[in-house]
Amino acid sequence: MNLDMTQEKLMLLLYISPLLFAQSIFLFLNAKKKGANAWFWGIWGLIQTPMPLLFYYLFVVRPFHKKRRPSS
């Protein structure tokens, strides 16, 4: 397996790392506020993008808004 760290790979790593870290912090804090397994969302947010954001919206945000919406 080739583990050489080329200039391009290093730059890509430097650009993607803050994005993943920010996504993880956002997911963790927001899930904690909504009471929805904050550690799970935070760790998954560190591993990949954008799937955690999409699934978070589908499984946490949408049901949370439906639950809060008054039925008339």
Protein backbone atom coordinates (compact mmCIF):
# COMPACT_ATOMS: atom_id res chain seq x y z
CA MET A 1 0.00 0.00 0.00
CA ASN A 2 1.35 3.40 -0.99
CA LEU A 3 1.36 5.76 2.00
CA ASP A 4 3.37 8.59 0.45
CA MET A 5 2.09 12.01 1.51
CA THR A 6 2.25 14.11 -1.63
CA GLN A 7 1.69 17.85 -1.70
CA GLU A 8 -1.83 17.38 -3.12
CA LYS A 9 -2.84 14.89 -0.45
CA LEU A 10 -1.53 17.15 2.28
CA MET A 11 -3.43 20.17 0.95
CA LEU A 12 -6.60 18.11 0.62
CA LEU A 13 -6.21 16.90 4.20
CA LEU A 14 -5.68 20.46 5.44
CA TYR A 15 -8.86 21.65 3.68
CA ILE A 16 -11.13 18.75 4.61
CA SER A 17 -10.13 18.37 8.28
CA PRO A 18 -11.63 21.69 9.47
CA LEU A 19 -14.80 20.97 7.49
CA LEU A 20 -15.26 17.58 9.15
CA PHE A 21 -14.43 19.00 12.57
CA ALA A 22 -16.95 21.85 12.19
CA GLN A 23 -19.61 19.43 10.94
CA SER A 24 -18.99 17.16 13.91
CA ILE A 25 -19.27 20.00 16.42
CA PHE A 26 -22.48 21.26 14.81
CA LEU A 27 -24.08 17.80 14.79
CA PHE A 28 -23.02 17.08 18.38
CA LEU A 29 -24.32 20.36 19.81
CA ASN A 30 -27.55 20.32 17.84
CA ALA A 31 -28.29 16.67 18.65
CA LYS A 32 -27.58 17.34 22.32
CA LYS A 33 -30.08 20.19 22.24
CA LYS A 34 -32.71 17.93 20.63
CA GLY A 35 -31.86 14.91 22.82
CA ALA A 36 -30.91 12.64 19.92
CA ASN A 37 -27.73 10.57 20.60
CA ALA A 38 -25.24 13.43 20.47
CA TRP A 39 -22.14 11.22 20.62
CA PHE A 40 -23.28 9.11 17.68
CA TRP A 41 -23.89 12.13 15.46
CA GLY A 42 -20.65 13.83 16.54
CA ILE A 43 -18.46 10.80 15.83
CA TRP A 44 -20.18 10.05 12.54
CA GLY A 45 -19.70 13.70 11.55
CA LEU A 46 -15.93 13.30 12.05
CA ILE A 47 -15.73 10.28 9.78
CA GLN A 48 -17.44 11.42 6.58
CA THR A 49 -19.43 14.11 4.82
CA PRO A 50 -22.21 14.92 3.66
CA MET A 51 -24.17 11.77 4.57
CA PRO A 52 -24.32 12.52 8.33
CA LEU A 53 -25.91 15.91 7.61
CA LEU A 54 -28.49 14.41 5.27
CA PHE A 55 -29.42 11.60 7.64
CA TYR A 56 -29.47 14.01 10.61
CA TYR A 57 -31.96 16.17 8.75
CA LEU A 58 -34.13 13.19 7.82
CA PHE A 59 -34.12 11.38 11.17
CA VAL A 60 -33.79 14.17 13.74
CA VAL A 61 -34.68 17.61 12.39
CA ARG A 62 -37.80 16.75 10.36
CA PRO A 63 -39.45 14.61 13.07
CA PHE A 64 -38.54 17.23 15.69
CA HIS A 65 -40.30 19.95 13.67
CA LYS A 66 -43.34 17.74 13.02
CA LYS A 67 -43.59 17.00 16.74
CA ARG A 68 -43.42 20.70 17.66
CA ARG A 69 -45.90 21.84 14.99
CA PRO A 70 -49.35 22.40 16.52
CA SER A 71 -52.06 20.44 14.76
CA SER A 72 -55.17 22.47 14.06
